[in-house]
Amino acid sequence: MHFGTKSATITANTATSVTVISPSGSGSVPVTVTTPGGTSNPLLFFYVGAPFKSSLSPVSGATAGGGSVTINGVGMATATAVHFGAATVTPTVVNDGQLTATVPPGTGPGPVSVSVTTAGGTNNGLTYAYVDAPTITALAPASGPASGGTAVTVTGTNLATTQSVIFGATAAPFTVISDTSVVVVSPPTADGAGGPAHVTVTTSGGTAVAGFTYLNAPGI
């Protein structure tokens, strides 16, 4: 049996089938079977190169998994598996240059390698970071005027990947100081009146909520 000009190793055959190990090659080649009775008509066999991955988005997410990631690259049309460390999921192939996958749960916070398996092989080179859900242990101060402008220090855990801080329904400007501290400036209330508001911190690992009190301006 030949793949183009190269002979293939036959591992089993019957009157109606032949099992072989394909030789090395590239592109498409004609496959023929030769018996004492002659040589068959050719059928095409396609060699598929190993995939190349260029980017992963997002690059981090909750340790519990469940988020969706997009992998861009080349040669991924035949992808059958995406590996996050030791965990494997089945991807959705968008086209030869892109696929999506649902992130499996992680064994704990930290980075894992991401590899894609196709008919052409497996290729590594990307990293995904699992992030534990944030917690908020304190807001300092925990109150401020309804007009906003209060610099509030949010203390907690797993805050390094903070993506947004919301006071009630209003996004607030913030600066990540460390994994345990974020400084945010309270926005004004929508109606100018005081009252309680939820402060929601969203990170790659999830969300955490604490309470803040807006104070009314004094009247005379």
C-alpha atoms as a PDB file:
ATOM      1  CA  MET A   1       0.000   0.000   0.000  1.00  0.00           C
ATOM      2  CA  HIS A   2       1.381   3.410  -0.972  1.00  0.00           C
ATOM      3  CA  PHE A   3       0.799   6.983   0.184  1.00  0.00           C
ATOM      4  CA  GLY A   4       2.108   8.828  -2.832  1.00  0.00           C
ATOM      5  CA  THR A   5       5.534   7.275  -3.421  1.00  0.00           C
ATOM      6  CA  LYS A   6       5.959   6.014   0.165  1.00  0.00           C
ATOM      7  CA  SER A   7       5.030   2.549   1.382  1.00  0.00           C
ATOM      8  CA  ALA A   8       2.746   2.213   4.377  1.00  0.00           C
ATOM      9  CA  THR A   9       3.119  -0.387   7.116  1.00  0.00           C
ATOM     10  CA  ILE A  10       0.224  -2.852   7.005  1.00  0.00           C
ATOM     11  CA  THR A  11      -0.974  -3.910  10.465  1.00  0.00           C
ATOM     12  CA  ALA A  12      -4.063  -5.937   9.483  1.00  0.00           C
ATOM     13  CA  ASN A  13      -5.992  -6.864   6.366  1.00  0.00           C
ATOM     14  CA  THR A  14      -8.990  -8.861   5.230  1.00  0.00           C
ATOM     15  CA  ALA A  15     -10.651  -9.434   1.883  1.00  0.00           C
ATOM     16  CA  THR A  16     -12.513  -6.141   2.313  1.00  0.00           C
ATOM     17  CA  SER A  17     -10.266  -3.867   4.415  1.00  0.00           C
ATOM     18  CA  VAL A  18      -6.673  -2.930   5.118  1.00  0.00           C
ATOM     19  CA  THR A  19      -5.345  -1.240   8.270  1.00  0.00           C
ATOM     20  CA  VAL A  20      -2.078   0.644   7.903  1.00  0.00           C
ATOM     21  CA  ILE A  21       0.212   3.146   9.611  1.00  0.00           C
ATOM     22  CA  SER A  22       0.589   6.157   7.354  1.00  0.00           C
ATOM     23  CA  PRO A  23       4.132   7.258   6.500  1.00  0.00           C
ATOM     24  CA  SER A  24       5.259  10.852   7.004  1.00  0.00           C
ATOM     25  CA  GLY A  25       4.163  13.384   4.430  1.00  0.00           C
ATOM     26  CA  SER A  26       2.542  16.715   3.715  1.00  0.00           C
ATOM     27  CA  GLY A  27      -0.329  18.076   1.666  1.00  0.00           C
ATOM     28  CA  SER A  28      -2.550  15.615  -0.207  1.00  0.00           C
ATOM     29  CA  VAL A  29      -1.276  12.340  -1.675  1.00  0.00           C
ATOM     30  CA  PRO A  30      -2.903   9.499  -3.640  1.00  0.00           C
ATOM     31  CA  VAL A  31      -3.354   6.239  -1.742  1.00  0.00           C
ATOM     32  CA  THR A  32      -3.268   2.969  -3.690  1.00  0.00           C
ATOM     33  CA  VAL A  33      -3.450  -0.673  -2.729  1.00  0.00           C
ATOM     34  CA  THR A  34      -1.459  -3.264  -4.686  1.00  0.00           C
ATOM     35  CA  THR A  35      -2.375  -6.966  -4.697  1.00  0.00           C
ATOM     36  CA  PRO A  36      -1.425  -9.851  -6.997  1.00  0.00           C
ATOM     37  CA  GLY A  37      -4.437  -8.812  -9.029  1.00  0.00           C
ATOM     38  CA  GLY A  38      -3.144  -5.300  -9.683  1.00  0.00           C
ATOM     39  CA  THR A  39      -3.239  -1.800  -8.247  1.00  0.00           C
ATOM     40  CA  SER A  40      -6.385  -0.017  -7.125  1.00  0.00           C
ATOM     41  CA  ASN A  41      -7.611   3.366  -8.247  1.00  0.00           C
ATOM     42  CA  PRO A  42      -6.159   6.184  -6.052  1.00  0.00           C
ATOM     43  CA  LEU A  43      -7.968   7.909  -3.210  1.00  0.00           C
ATOM     44  CA  LEU A  44      -6.703  11.157  -1.697  1.00  0.00           C
ATOM     45  CA  PHE A  45      -5.264  11.325   1.823  1.00  0.00           C
ATOM     46  CA  PHE A  46      -4.680  14.719   3.457  1.00  0.00           C
ATOM     47  CA  TYR A  47      -1.824  15.369   5.862  1.00  0.00           C
ATOM     48  CA  VAL A  48      -2.724  17.906   8.539  1.00  0.00           C
ATOM     49  CA  GLY A  49      -0.012  19.945  10.252  1.00  0.00           C
ATOM     50  CA  ALA A  50       0.079  20.540  13.998  1.00  0.00           C
ATOM     51  CA  PRO A  51      -2.022  23.542  15.091  1.00  0.00           C
ATOM     52  CA  PHE A  52      -0.500  26.930  15.894  1.00  0.00           C
ATOM     53  CA  LYS A  53      -2.130  29.036  18.607  1.00  0.00           C
ATOM     54  CA  SER A  54      -1.581  32.784  18.643  1.00  0.00           C
ATOM     55  CA  SER A  55      -3.881  34.098  21.383  1.00  0.00           C
ATOM     56  CA  LEU A  56      -6.326  33.188  24.141  1.00  0.00           C
ATOM     57  CA  SER A  57      -9.089  35.472  25.416  1.00  0.00           C
ATOM     58  CA  PRO A  58      -9.817  35.955  28.244  1.00  0.00           C
ATOM     59  CA  VAL A  59      -6.590  34.766  29.859  1.00  0.00           C
ATOM     60  CA  SER A  60      -8.060  34.236  33.341  1.00  0.00           C
ATOM     61  CA  GLY A  61     -11.300  33.256  35.031  1.00  0.00           C
ATOM     62  CA  ALA A  62     -12.992  31.748  38.060  1.00  0.00           C
ATOM     63  CA  THR A  63     -11.523  28.636  39.655  1.00  0.00           C
ATOM     64  CA  ALA A  64     -15.012  27.136  39.430  1.00  0.00           C
ATOM     65  CA  GLY A  65     -14.747  27.261  35.626  1.00  0.00           C
ATOM     66  CA  GLY A  66     -17.733  27.697  33.358  1.00  0.00           C
ATOM     67  CA  GLY A  67     -16.541  30.726  31.408  1.00  0.00           C
ATOM     68  CA  SER A  68     -16.008  30.744  27.661  1.00  0.00           C
ATOM     69  CA  VAL A  69     -12.627  31.339  26.016  1.00  0.00           C
ATOM     70  CA  THR A  70     -11.726  32.032  22.391  1.00  0.00           C
ATOM     71  CA  ILE A  71      -8.516  30.601  20.933  1.00  0.00           C
ATOM     72  CA  ASN A  72      -7.107  32.078  17.737  1.00  0.00           C
ATOM     73  CA  GLY A  73      -4.456  30.473  15.567  1.00  0.00           C
ATOM     74  CA  VAL A  74      -3.923  28.392  12.433  1.00  0.00           C
ATOM     75  CA  GLY A  75      -4.775  24.808  11.533  1.00  0.00           C
ATOM     76  CA  MET A  76      -7.545  24.264  14.084  1.00  0.00           C
ATOM     77  CA  ALA A  77     -10.364  23.093  11.811  1.00  0.00           C
ATOM     78  CA  THR A  78      -9.962  19.466  12.979  1.00  0.00           C
ATOM     79  CA  ALA A  79      -9.669  20.298  16.701  1.00  0.00           C
ATOM     80  CA  THR A  80     -11.153  17.595  18.917  1.00  0.00           C
ATOM     81  CA  ALA A  81      -9.927  18.645  22.369  1.00  0.00           C
ATOM     82  CA  VAL A  82      -8.652  21.578  24.398  1.00  0.00           C
ATOM     83  CA  HIS A  83      -6.620  20.784  27.499  1.00  0.00           C
ATOM     84  CA  PHE A  84      -6.491  23.069  30.542  1.00  0.00           C
ATOM     85  CA  GLY A  85      -3.710  21.477  32.519  1.00  0.00           C
ATOM     86  CA  ALA A  86      -4.924  17.919  33.134  1.00  0.00           C
ATOM     87  CA  ALA A  87      -8.579  18.705  32.317  1.00  0.00           C
ATOM     88  CA  THR A  88      -9.960  18.229  28.796  1.00  0.00           C
ATOM     89  CA  VAL A  89     -12.996  19.775  27.099  1.00  0.00           C
ATOM     90  CA  THR A  90     -14.474  19.478  23.620  1.00  0.00           C
ATOM     91  CA  PRO A  91     -14.222  22.754  21.662  1.00  0.00           C
ATOM     92  CA  THR A  92     -16.573  24.401  19.188  1.00  0.00           C
ATOM     93  CA  VAL A  93     -14.716  25.014  15.922  1.00  0.00           C
ATOM     94  CA  VAL A  94     -15.616  28.388  14.413  1.00  0.00           C
ATOM     95  CA  ASN A  95     -13.211  28.097  11.494  1.00  0.00           C
ATOM     96  CA  ASP A  96      -9.638  27.013  10.806  1.00  0.00           C
ATOM     97  CA  GLY A  97      -8.338  30.062  12.677  1.00  0.00           C
ATOM     98  CA  GLN A  98     -10.632  30.148  15.689  1.00  0.00           C
ATOM     99  CA  LEU A  99     -12.383  27.941  18.211  1.00  0.00           C
ATOM    100  CA  THR A 100     -14.219  28.428  21.492  1.00  0.00           C
ATOM    101  CA  ALA A 101     -14.294  26.274  24.600  1.00  0.00           C
ATOM    102  CA  THR A 102     -15.966  26.223  27.998  1.00  0.00           C
ATOM    103  CA  VAL A 103     -13.382  26.377  30.767  1.00  0.00           C
ATOM    104  CA  PRO A 104     -13.444  23.314  33.061  1.00  0.00           C
ATOM    105  CA  PRO A 105     -13.151  23.727  36.848  1.00  0.00           C
ATOM    106  CA  GLY A 106      -9.622  24.196  38.144  1.00  0.00           C
ATOM    107  CA  THR A 107      -7.996  22.337  41.023  1.00  0.00           C
ATOM    108  CA  GLY A 108      -7.088  25.666  42.617  1.00  0.00           C
ATOM    109  CA  PRO A 109      -5.934  29.184  41.789  1.00  0.00           C
ATOM    110  CA  GLY A 110      -2.934  29.619  39.524  1.00  0.00           C
ATOM    111  CA  PRO A 111      -1.813  29.210  35.896  1.00  0.00           C
ATOM    112  CA  VAL A 112      -2.239  26.108  33.727  1.00  0.00           C
ATOM    113  CA  SER A 113      -1.008  25.396  30.218  1.00  0.00           C
ATOM    114  CA  VAL A 114      -3.565  25.327  27.399  1.00  0.00           C
ATOM    115  CA  SER A 115      -3.089  22.975  24.456  1.00  0.00           C
ATOM    116  CA  VAL A 116      -5.185  22.117  21.400  1.00  0.00           C
ATOM    117  CA  THR A 117      -5.350  18.650  19.837  1.00  0.00           C
ATOM    118  CA  THR A 118      -6.201  18.283  16.138  1.00  0.00           C
ATOM    119  CA  ALA A 119      -5.786  15.588  13.516  1.00  0.00           C
ATOM    120  CA  GLY A 120      -2.310  17.024  12.983  1.00  0.00           C
ATOM    121  CA  GLY A 121      -1.167  16.765  16.600  1.00  0.00           C
ATOM    122  CA  THR A 122      -1.080  18.779  19.799  1.00  0.00           C
ATOM    123  CA  ASN A 123       0.472  22.186  20.334  1.00  0.00           C
ATOM    124  CA  ASN A 124       1.094  24.035  23.602  1.00  0.00           C
ATOM    125  CA  GLY A 125       2.165  27.603  24.206  1.00  0.00           C
ATOM    126  CA  LEU A 126      -0.725  29.393  25.934  1.00  0.00           C
ATOM    127  CA  THR A 127      -1.494  29.892  29.628  1.00  0.00           C
ATOM    128  CA  TYR A 128      -4.788  30.378  31.469  1.00  0.00           C
ATOM    129  CA  ALA A 129      -4.916  31.583  35.076  1.00  0.00           C
ATOM    130  CA  TYR A 130      -7.547  30.350  37.511  1.00  0.00           C
ATOM    131  CA  VAL A 131      -8.591  33.025  40.019  1.00  0.00           C
ATOM    132  CA  ASP A 132     -10.473  32.490  43.277  1.00  0.00           C
ATOM    133  CA  ALA A 133     -13.579  34.601  43.943  1.00  0.00           C
ATOM    134  CA  PRO A 134     -12.932  37.938  45.690  1.00  0.00           C
ATOM    135  CA  THR A 135     -13.950  38.831  49.217  1.00  0.00           C
ATOM    136  CA  ILE A 136     -14.474  42.244  50.848  1.00  0.00           C
ATOM    137  CA  THR A 137     -13.595  42.529  54.521  1.00  0.00           C
ATOM    138  CA  ALA A 138     -13.895  46.300  54.942  1.00  0.00           C
ATOM    139  CA  LEU A 139     -14.630  49.652  53.310  1.00  0.00           C
ATOM    140  CA  ALA A 140     -12.790  52.647  54.751  1.00  0.00           C
ATOM    141  CA  PRO A 141     -14.599  54.917  55.121  1.00  0.00           C
ATOM    142  CA  ALA A 142     -17.928  53.114  54.824  1.00  0.00           C
ATOM    143  CA  SER A 143     -19.887  56.325  54.275  1.00  0.00           C
ATOM    144  CA  GLY A 144     -19.600  59.605  52.408  1.00  0.00           C
ATOM    145  CA  PRO A 145     -21.643  62.499  51.014  1.00  0.00           C
ATOM    146  CA  ALA A 146     -24.336  61.898  48.394  1.00  0.00           C
ATOM    147  CA  SER A 147     -22.415  64.255  46.111  1.00  0.00           C
ATOM    148  CA  GLY A 148     -19.701  61.588  45.781  1.00  0.00           C
ATOM    149  CA  GLY A 149     -15.967  62.148  45.659  1.00  0.00           C
ATOM    150  CA  THR A 150     -15.054  60.030  48.678  1.00  0.00           C
ATOM    151  CA  ALA A 151     -11.834  58.012  48.309  1.00  0.00           C
ATOM    152  CA  VAL A 152     -12.749  54.580  49.665  1.00  0.00           C
ATOM    153  CA  THR A 153     -10.220  51.820  50.350  1.00  0.00           C
ATOM    154  CA  VAL A 154     -11.659  48.379  49.685  1.00  0.00           C
ATOM    155  CA  THR A 155      -9.847  45.714  51.689  1.00  0.00           C
ATOM    156  CA  GLY A 156     -10.287  42.007  50.990  1.00  0.00           C
ATOM    157  CA  THR A 157      -8.768  39.086  49.102  1.00  0.00           C
ATOM    158  CA  ASN A 158      -8.242  38.156  45.434  1.00  0.00           C
ATOM    159  CA  LEU A 159      -8.692  41.748  44.241  1.00  0.00           C
ATOM    160  CA  ALA A 160      -5.732  41.933  41.826  1.00  0.00           C
ATOM    161  CA  THR A 161      -7.876  41.219  38.739  1.00  0.00           C
ATOM    162  CA  THR A 162     -10.591  43.763  39.601  1.00  0.00           C
ATOM    163  CA  GLN A 163     -12.497  44.703  36.447  1.00  0.00           C
ATOM    164  CA  SER A 164     -15.133  47.057  37.863  1.00  0.00           C
ATOM    165  CA  VAL A 165     -16.460  48.620  41.063  1.00  0.00           C
ATOM    166  CA  ILE A 166     -20.143  49.590  41.100  1.00  0.00           C
ATOM    167  CA  PHE A 167     -21.873  51.800  43.679  1.00  0.00           C
ATOM    168  CA  GLY A 168     -25.539  50.869  43.348  1.00  0.00           C
ATOM    169  CA  ALA A 169     -25.877  50.980  39.553  1.00  0.00           C
ATOM    170  CA  THR A 170     -23.080  53.487  38.879  1.00  0.00           C
ATOM    171  CA  ALA A 171     -19.554  52.515  37.865  1.00  0.00           C
ATOM    172  CA  ALA A 172     -16.791  54.165  39.869  1.00  0.00           C
ATOM    173  CA  PRO A 173     -13.141  54.889  38.956  1.00  0.00           C
ATOM    174  CA  PHE A 174     -10.723  52.635  40.831  1.00  0.00           C
ATOM    175  CA  THR A 175      -7.051  51.759  41.220  1.00  0.00           C
ATOM    176  CA  VAL A 176      -5.791  48.302  42.164  1.00  0.00           C
ATOM    177  CA  ILE A 177      -3.169  48.663  44.896  1.00  0.00           C
ATOM    178  CA  SER A 178      -2.545  44.989  45.589  1.00  0.00           C
ATOM    179  CA  ASP A 179      -4.319  41.646  45.757  1.00  0.00           C
ATOM    180  CA  THR A 180      -5.856  42.781  49.055  1.00  0.00           C
ATOM    181  CA  SER A 181      -6.558  46.458  48.386  1.00  0.00           C
ATOM    182  CA  VAL A 182      -8.382  48.640  45.849  1.00  0.00           C
ATOM    183  CA  VAL A 183      -8.964  52.386  46.103  1.00  0.00           C
ATOM    184  CA  VAL A 184     -12.167  53.706  44.538  1.00  0.00           C
ATOM    185  CA  VAL A 185     -13.815  57.145  44.347  1.00  0.00           C
ATOM    186  CA  SER A 186     -17.512  57.093  45.163  1.00  0.00           C
ATOM    187  CA  PRO A 187     -19.759  58.496  42.417  1.00  0.00           C
ATOM    188  CA  PRO A 188     -22.659  60.822  43.267  1.00  0.00           C
ATOM    189  CA  THR A 189     -26.085  59.325  43.792  1.00  0.00           C
ATOM    190  CA  ALA A 190     -28.507  59.558  40.878  1.00  0.00           C
ATOM    191  CA  ASP A 191     -31.025  61.718  42.784  1.00  0.00           C
ATOM    192  CA  GLY A 192     -28.619  63.570  45.038  1.00  0.00           C
ATOM    193  CA  ALA A 193     -30.144  61.977  48.120  1.00  0.00           C
ATOM    194  CA  GLY A 194     -28.434  59.881  50.755  1.00  0.00           C
ATOM    195  CA  GLY A 195     -29.089  56.258  51.679  1.00  0.00           C
ATOM    196  CA  PRO A 196     -27.521  52.800  51.571  1.00  0.00           C
ATOM    197  CA  ALA A 197     -25.852  51.460  48.431  1.00  0.00           C
ATOM    198  CA  HIS A 198     -24.341  48.135  47.490  1.00  0.00           C
ATOM    199  CA  VAL A 199     -20.684  48.238  46.434  1.00  0.00           C
ATOM    200  CA  THR A 200     -20.042  45.415  43.974  1.00  0.00           C
ATOM    201  CA  VAL A 201     -16.485  44.463  43.056  1.00  0.00           C
ATOM    202  CA  THR A 202     -16.121  42.257  39.987  1.00  0.00           C
ATOM    203  CA  THR A 203     -12.892  40.383  39.239  1.00  0.00           C
ATOM    204  CA  SER A 204     -11.872  37.563  36.898  1.00  0.00           C
ATOM    205  CA  GLY A 205     -12.838  35.191  39.704  1.00  0.00           C
ATOM    206  CA  GLY A 206     -16.332  36.499  40.438  1.00  0.00           C
ATOM    207  CA  THR A 207     -17.996  39.229  42.508  1.00  0.00           C
ATOM    208  CA  ALA A 208     -18.136  40.430  46.106  1.00  0.00           C
ATOM    209  CA  VAL A 209     -20.576  42.906  47.674  1.00  0.00           C
ATOM    210  CA  ALA A 210     -20.345  45.276  50.648  1.00  0.00           C
ATOM    211  CA  GLY A 211     -22.472  48.102  52.010  1.00  0.00           C
ATOM    212  CA  PHE A 212     -21.791  51.855  51.719  1.00  0.00           C
ATOM    213  CA  THR A 213     -23.918  54.659  53.171  1.00  0.00           C
ATOM    214  CA  TYR A 214     -24.448  57.946  51.336  1.00  0.00           C
ATOM    215  CA  LEU A 215     -25.012  60.861  53.722  1.00  0.00           C
ATOM    216  CA  ASN A 216     -27.337  63.777  53.096  1.00  0.00           C
ATOM    217  CA  ALA A 217     -25.858  67.273  53.211  1.00  0.00           C
ATOM    218  CA  PRO A 218     -26.719  69.138  56.386  1.00  0.00           C
ATOM    219  CA  GLY A 219     -29.614  71.597  56.257  1.00  0.00           C
ATOM    220  CA  ILE A 220     -29.905  74.914  58.013  1.00  0.00           C
END
